[in-house]
C-alpha atoms as a PDB file:
ATOM      1  CA  MET A   1       7.451  17.635  38.328  1.00  0.00           C
ATOM      2  CA  THR A   2      10.038  16.725  40.938  1.00  0.00           C
ATOM      3  CA  ASN A   3      13.107  14.892  39.914  1.00  0.00           C
ATOM      4  CA  VAL A   4      11.989  11.655  41.910  1.00  0.00           C
ATOM      5  CA  SER A   5       8.786  11.496  40.020  1.00  0.00           C
ATOM      6  CA  MET A   6      10.339  11.996  36.580  1.00  0.00           C
ATOM      7  CA  LYS A   7      12.411   8.965  37.433  1.00  0.00           C
ATOM      8  CA  SER A   8       9.445   6.819  38.441  1.00  0.00           C
ATOM      9  CA  LEU A   9       7.745   8.129  35.222  1.00  0.00           C
ATOM     10  CA  LEU A  10      10.694   7.171  33.136  1.00  0.00           C
ATOM     11  CA  THR A  11      11.347   3.712  34.823  1.00  0.00           C
ATOM     12  CA  ALA A  12       7.855   2.572  34.509  1.00  0.00           C
ATOM     13  CA  ALA A  13       7.823   3.589  30.834  1.00  0.00           C
ATOM     14  CA  ALA A  14      10.829   1.580  30.135  1.00  0.00           C
ATOM     15  CA  LEU A  15       9.690  -1.423  32.148  1.00  0.00           C
ATOM     16  CA  SER A  16       6.242  -1.336  30.211  1.00  0.00           C
ATOM     17  CA  LEU A  17       8.343  -1.181  26.667  1.00  0.00           C
ATOM     18  CA  GLY A  18      10.581  -4.028  27.960  1.00  0.00           C
ATOM     19  CA  GLY A  19       8.595  -6.725  26.155  1.00  0.00           C
ATOM     20  CA  CYS A  20       8.364  -4.929  22.555  1.00  0.00           C
ATOM     21  CA  TYR A  21      10.414  -5.307  19.487  1.00  0.00           C
ATOM     22  CA  ILE A  22      10.459  -3.872  16.004  1.00  0.00           C
ATOM     23  CA  VAL A  23      10.773  -6.487  13.250  1.00  0.00           C
ATOM     24  CA  PRO A  24      11.737  -4.935   9.817  1.00  0.00           C
ATOM     25  CA  VAL A  25       9.207  -6.175   6.964  1.00  0.00           C
ATOM     26  CA  GLY A  26      10.615  -7.083   3.814  1.00  0.00           C
ATOM     27  CA  PRO A  27       9.167  -6.153   0.214  1.00  0.00           C
ATOM     28  CA  ASP A  28       7.002  -9.278   0.089  1.00  0.00           C
ATOM     29  CA  GLY A  29       5.619  -8.189   3.105  1.00  0.00           C
ATOM     30  CA  TYR A  30       7.166 -10.898   5.334  1.00  0.00           C
ATOM     31  CA  PRO A  31       9.646 -10.404   8.125  1.00  0.00           C
ATOM     32  CA  ALA A  32      13.178  -9.438   6.861  1.00  0.00           C
ATOM     33  CA  ALA A  33      15.968 -12.108   7.053  1.00  0.00           C
ATOM     34  CA  TYR A  34      17.469 -12.236  10.437  1.00  0.00           C
ATOM     35  CA  VAL A  35      21.066 -11.341  10.222  1.00  0.00           C
ATOM     36  CA  PRO A  36      22.957 -12.180  13.345  1.00  0.00           C
ATOM     37  CA  VAL A  37      25.533 -10.074  14.979  1.00  0.00           C
ATOM     38  CA  SER A  38      28.908 -11.469  14.173  1.00  0.00           C
ATOM     39  CA  PRO A  39      30.673 -12.642  17.758  1.00  0.00           C
ATOM     40  CA  ALA A  40      34.290 -11.355  18.342  1.00  0.00           C
ATOM     41  CA  PRO A  41      37.052 -13.462  16.542  1.00  0.00           C
ATOM     42  CA  VAL A  42      39.032 -16.113  18.793  1.00  0.00           C
ATOM     43  CA  PRO A  43      42.665 -15.252  18.977  1.00  0.00           C
ATOM     44  CA  GLY A  44      44.369 -17.127  16.319  1.00  0.00           C
ATOM     45  CA  GLN A  45      41.064 -17.674  13.985  1.00  0.00           C
ATOM     46  CA  ALA A  46      39.499 -15.806  11.295  1.00  0.00           C
ATOM     47  CA  ALA A  47      36.597 -13.919  11.932  1.00  0.00           C
ATOM     48  CA  PRO A  48      33.350 -15.796  10.471  1.00  0.00           C
ATOM     49  CA  SER A  49      31.777 -14.068   7.604  1.00  0.00           C
ATOM     50  CA  LEU A  50      28.187 -13.247   7.397  1.00  0.00           C
ATOM     51  CA  SER A  51      26.290 -13.196   4.367  1.00  0.00           C
ATOM     52  CA  HIS A  52      23.676 -10.370   4.071  1.00  0.00           C
ATOM     53  CA  PRO A  53      20.391 -11.665   2.240  1.00  0.00           C
ATOM     54  CA  ALA A  54      20.124 -10.668  -1.328  1.00  0.00           C
ATOM     55  CA  MET A  55      17.855  -7.742  -2.358  1.00  0.00           C
ATOM     56  CA  PRO A  56      14.867  -8.455  -4.490  1.00  0.00           C
ATOM     57  CA  LYS A  57      15.694  -7.935  -8.464  1.00  0.00           C
ATOM     58  CA  VAL A  58      13.103  -6.392 -11.036  1.00  0.00           C
ATOM     59  CA  LEU A  59      13.411  -8.431 -14.181  1.00  0.00           C
ATOM     60  CA  HIS A  60      11.633  -7.794 -17.458  1.00  0.00           C
ATOM     61  CA  ALA A  61       9.794 -10.751 -18.983  1.00  0.00           C
ATOM     62  CA  ARG A  62       8.938 -10.706 -22.767  1.00  0.00           C
ATOM     63  CA  LEU A  63       6.719 -13.242 -24.224  1.00  0.00           C
ATOM     64  CA  TYR A  64       6.379 -13.913 -27.792  1.00  0.00           C
ATOM     65  CA  PRO A  65       3.908 -15.430 -29.640  1.00  0.00           C
ATOM     66  CA  ALA A  66       4.225 -19.229 -29.894  1.00  0.00           C
ATOM     67  CA  ASN A  67       0.824 -20.399 -32.010  1.00  0.00           C
ATOM     68  CA  GLU A  68      -1.586 -18.417 -34.191  1.00  0.00           C
ATOM     69  CA  LEU A  69      -3.791 -17.269 -31.593  1.00  0.00           C
ATOM     70  CA  ALA A  70      -0.951 -15.374 -29.771  1.00  0.00           C
ATOM     71  CA  THR A  71      -0.163 -13.499 -32.956  1.00  0.00           C
ATOM     72  CA  GLN A  72      -3.305 -11.888 -32.900  1.00  0.00           C
ATOM     73  CA  THR A  73      -1.920 -10.101 -29.740  1.00  0.00           C
ATOM     74  CA  GLY A  74       1.606  -9.931 -30.443  1.00  0.00           C
ATOM     75  CA  MET A  75       4.573  -9.744 -27.990  1.00  0.00           C
ATOM     76  CA  VAL A  76       3.228  -9.450 -24.312  1.00  0.00           C
ATOM     77  CA  SER A  77       5.643  -7.697 -21.890  1.00  0.00           C
ATOM     78  CA  GLY A  78       5.783  -7.645 -17.975  1.00  0.00           C
ATOM     79  CA  THR A  79       8.076  -7.778 -14.907  1.00  0.00           C
ATOM     80  CA  VAL A  80       9.094 -10.347 -12.466  1.00  0.00           C
ATOM     81  CA  THR A  81      10.450  -9.261  -9.029  1.00  0.00           C
ATOM     82  CA  ASN A  82      12.924 -11.992  -8.025  1.00  0.00           C
ATOM     83  CA  MET A  83      12.707 -11.859  -4.224  1.00  0.00           C
ATOM     84  CA  MET A  84      16.028 -13.992  -4.416  1.00  0.00           C
ATOM     85  CA  ASN A  85      14.592 -16.742  -2.113  1.00  0.00           C
ATOM     86  CA  GLY A  86      12.664 -18.892  -4.474  1.00  0.00           C
ATOM     87  CA  LYS A  87       9.652 -16.645  -4.959  1.00  0.00           C
ATOM     88  CA  GLY A  88       8.888 -13.730  -7.333  1.00  0.00           C
ATOM     89  CA  ARG A  89       6.138 -11.513  -8.252  1.00  0.00           C
ATOM     90  CA  PHE A  90       4.587 -11.366 -11.596  1.00  0.00           C
ATOM     91  CA  GLN A  91       2.669  -8.642 -13.376  1.00  0.00           C
ATOM     92  CA  LEU A  92       1.975  -8.156 -17.141  1.00  0.00           C
ATOM     93  CA  ASN A  93      -0.716  -6.496 -19.177  1.00  0.00           C
ATOM     94  CA  TYR A  94      -2.594  -8.623 -21.650  1.00  0.00           C
ATOM     95  CA  HIS A  95      -5.847  -7.300 -23.484  1.00  0.00           C
ATOM     96  CA  GLY A  96      -6.098  -4.027 -21.538  1.00  0.00           C
ATOM     97  CA  GLU A  97      -6.364  -6.192 -18.245  1.00  0.00           C
ATOM     98  CA  THR A  98      -3.258  -6.034 -15.475  1.00  0.00           C
ATOM     99  CA  LEU A  99      -2.666  -9.893 -14.671  1.00  0.00           C
ATOM    100  CA  THR A 100      -1.026 -10.239 -11.136  1.00  0.00           C
ATOM    101  CA  GLY A 101       0.533 -13.406  -9.629  1.00  0.00           C
ATOM    102  CA  GLU A 102       3.728 -15.069  -8.506  1.00  0.00           C
ATOM    103  CA  ALA A 103       6.497 -17.246  -9.218  1.00  0.00           C
ATOM    104  CA  THR A 104       7.829 -20.274  -7.604  1.00  0.00           C
ATOM    105  CA  ARG A 105      10.752 -22.583  -7.872  1.00  0.00           C
ATOM    106  CA  VAL A 106      10.039 -26.182  -8.168  1.00  0.00           C
ATOM    107  CA  SER A 107      11.533 -28.080  -4.929  1.00  0.00           C
ATOM    108  CA  GLY A 108      14.443 -30.017  -5.462  1.00  0.00           C
ATOM    109  CA  ASP A 109      15.576 -27.935  -8.495  1.00  0.00           C
ATOM    110  CA  GLU A 110      16.342 -24.448  -7.858  1.00  0.00           C
ATOM    111  CA  ARG A 111      16.571 -23.346 -11.706  1.00  0.00           C
ATOM    112  CA  LYS A 112      12.929 -24.867 -12.761  1.00  0.00           C
ATOM    113  CA  GLY A 113       9.793 -23.020 -11.658  1.00  0.00           C
ATOM    114  CA  VAL A 114       6.217 -22.291 -12.313  1.00  0.00           C
ATOM    115  CA  ALA A 115       4.231 -18.840 -12.572  1.00  0.00           C
ATOM    116  CA  SER A 116       0.704 -18.059 -12.340  1.00  0.00           C
ATOM    117  CA  ALA A 117      -1.309 -14.658 -13.042  1.00  0.00           C
ATOM    118  CA  TYR A 118      -4.697 -13.665 -12.680  1.00  0.00           C
ATOM    119  CA  GLY A 119      -7.033 -10.811 -13.916  1.00  0.00           C
ATOM    120  CA  PRO A 120      -9.963  -9.139 -12.473  1.00  0.00           C
ATOM    121  CA  THR A 121     -12.344 -10.473 -15.229  1.00  0.00           C
ATOM    122  CA  GLY A 122     -10.997 -13.989 -14.911  1.00  0.00           C
ATOM    123  CA  ALA A 123      -8.119 -14.020 -17.367  1.00  0.00           C
ATOM    124  CA  PHE A 124      -5.442 -16.112 -16.501  1.00  0.00           C
ATOM    125  CA  MET A 125      -2.141 -17.426 -17.231  1.00  0.00           C
ATOM    126  CA  SER A 126       0.115 -20.221 -16.432  1.00  0.00           C
ATOM    127  CA  CYS A 127       3.804 -20.553 -17.174  1.00  0.00           C
ATOM    128  CA  GLU A 128       6.593 -23.065 -16.872  1.00  0.00           C
ATOM    129  CA  TYR A 129      10.139 -21.708 -16.431  1.00  0.00           C
ATOM    130  CA  GLN A 130      13.947 -22.470 -16.012  1.00  0.00           C
ATOM    131  CA  MET A 131      16.462 -20.090 -14.808  1.00  0.00           C
ATOM    132  CA  SER A 132      20.075 -19.992 -16.289  1.00  0.00           C
ATOM    133  CA  THR A 133      21.240 -17.456 -13.755  1.00  0.00           C
ATOM    134  CA  PRO A 134      19.424 -15.595 -11.013  1.00  0.00           C
ATOM    135  CA  ILE A 135      18.558 -13.094 -13.203  1.00  0.00           C
ATOM    136  CA  GLN A 136      17.744 -14.731 -16.515  1.00  0.00           C
ATOM    137  CA  GLY A 137      15.618 -17.466 -17.894  1.00  0.00           C
ATOM    138  CA  ALA A 138      13.301 -18.682 -20.379  1.00  0.00           C
ATOM    139  CA  GLY A 139      10.181 -20.722 -20.504  1.00  0.00           C
ATOM    140  CA  LYS A 140       6.401 -21.261 -22.112  1.00  0.00           C
ATOM    141  CA  CYS A 141       3.254 -19.803 -21.074  1.00  0.00           C
ATOM    142  CA  THR A 142      -0.335 -20.519 -21.669  1.00  0.00           C
ATOM    143  CA  PHE A 143      -3.431 -17.941 -21.376  1.00  0.00           C
ATOM    144  CA  SER A 144      -7.002 -18.876 -20.838  1.00  0.00           C
ATOM    145  CA  ASN A 145      -8.075 -17.902 -24.171  1.00  0.00           C
ATOM    146  CA  GLY A 146      -5.575 -20.618 -25.719  1.00  0.00           C
ATOM    147  CA  ALA A 147      -3.087 -18.423 -26.756  1.00  0.00           C
ATOM    148  CA  ARG A 148       0.631 -19.797 -26.188  1.00  0.00           C
ATOM    149  CA  TYR A 149       3.941 -17.618 -25.748  1.00  0.00           C
ATOM    150  CA  GLN A 150       7.649 -18.112 -25.393  1.00  0.00           C
ATOM    151  CA  ALA A 151       9.067 -16.462 -22.508  1.00  0.00           C
ATOM    152  CA  HIS A 152      12.275 -14.592 -22.089  1.00  0.00           C
ATOM    153  CA  ILE A 153      13.104 -13.359 -18.305  1.00  0.00           C
ATOM    154  CA  GLY A 154      15.807 -10.991 -17.774  1.00  0.00           C
ATOM    155  CA  ASN A 155      17.159  -7.502 -18.501  1.00  0.00           C
END
């Protein structure tokens, strides 16, 4: 291939890729948060600081029986992945079935939230909780069979 045709080929390739962008995707499947490049500091002023988004944290959830029906099963454990943006992913095993769902903070109160999980045979769970820190909290959960539990979240 001649030097001129190689340049033409590379130029055409560069122009055809000019509109493509690579967007990193976070663990929740949504585009990762945009963190702009810091501008050059202005003489006599402090450089602006940019914070990076917090990484998701996996927390243990332990559910302790709160009524007679729940004592038949005993303690139930699972995990909550706090996405550090007011949302989380919830998973636990109940009566041999994996229930999965999500947790969401209540609008107007960043500490309170609700969580829901569902299993393939139709079993479900609903919780209300309050976080004392981003990695520790407590709440109450009710299962579709009427079992009630006191939930403790955190490592």
